[in-house]
């Protein structure tokens, strides 16, 4: 599934960027070597970052 249709960023690509340390939406775009265009995906990518952060915090407990 595509998270960003403008740049053809798939969910797995965004997740890989986040797992490699991307903590901001801009960092995800940088990892994918692109930049936001229409910005419709920003909320979804931000939610993915928050979900991974929450998972990591829970795993650390």
Protein backbone atom coordinates (compact mmCIF):
# COMPACT_ATOMS: atom_id res chain seq x y z
CA UNK A 1 0.00 0.00 0.00
CA UNK A 2 1.25 3.48 -0.82
CA UNK A 3 1.56 5.99 1.99
CA UNK A 4 2.55 8.75 -0.43
CA UNK A 5 1.10 8.52 -3.90
CA UNK A 6 2.95 11.59 -5.20
CA UNK A 7 6.34 10.05 -4.49
CA UNK A 8 5.39 6.35 -4.65
CA UNK A 9 6.49 5.77 -1.04
CA UNK A 10 5.11 2.48 0.14
CA UNK A 11 4.22 1.75 3.72
CA UNK A 12 7.14 -0.66 4.00
CA UNK A 13 9.54 2.04 2.73
CA UNK A 14 8.30 4.49 5.35
CA UNK A 15 8.53 1.84 8.07
CA UNK A 16 12.09 1.01 7.00
CA UNK A 17 13.03 4.69 7.24
CA UNK A 18 11.48 4.91 10.70
CA UNK A 19 13.26 1.77 11.85
CA UNK A 20 16.53 3.28 10.57
CA UNK A 21 15.98 6.25 12.87
CA UNK A 22 13.77 8.70 10.98
CA UNK A 23 11.92 10.49 13.78
CA UNK A 24 10.25 13.18 11.67
CA UNK A 25 8.23 13.25 8.48
CA UNK A 26 11.04 15.20 6.79
CA UNK A 27 13.52 12.51 7.82
CA UNK A 28 11.30 9.85 6.20
CA UNK A 29 11.24 11.86 2.97
CA UNK A 30 15.00 12.39 3.18
CA UNK A 31 15.55 8.66 3.65
CA UNK A 32 13.40 7.98 0.58
CA UNK A 33 15.33 10.68 -1.31
CA UNK A 34 12.27 12.80 -2.05
CA UNK A 35 10.23 15.62 -0.56
CA UNK A 36 6.60 16.30 0.27
CA UNK A 37 4.50 17.55 -2.62
CA UNK A 38 0.77 17.67 -1.82
CA UNK A 39 1.33 16.79 1.88
CA UNK A 40 -1.74 14.53 2.11
CA UNK A 41 0.50 11.78 3.48
CA UNK A 42 2.07 13.81 6.29
CA UNK A 43 -0.54 12.83 8.90
CA UNK A 44 -0.26 9.15 8.00
CA UNK A 45 3.53 9.17 8.16
CA UNK A 46 3.44 11.08 11.46
CA UNK A 47 1.05 8.45 12.85
CA UNK A 48 3.41 5.68 11.73
CA UNK A 49 6.29 7.41 13.56
CA UNK A 50 4.16 7.77 16.70
CA UNK A 51 3.11 4.11 16.54
CA UNK A 52 6.70 2.89 16.26
CA UNK A 53 7.78 5.21 19.09
CA UNK A 54 5.01 3.86 21.31
CA UNK A 55 6.01 0.27 20.50
CA UNK A 56 9.62 0.96 21.35
CA UNK A 57 8.65 2.58 24.68
CA UNK A 58 6.47 -0.40 25.58
CA UNK A 59 9.23 -2.83 24.65
CA UNK A 60 11.67 -0.95 26.87
CA UNK A 61 9.47 -1.35 29.94
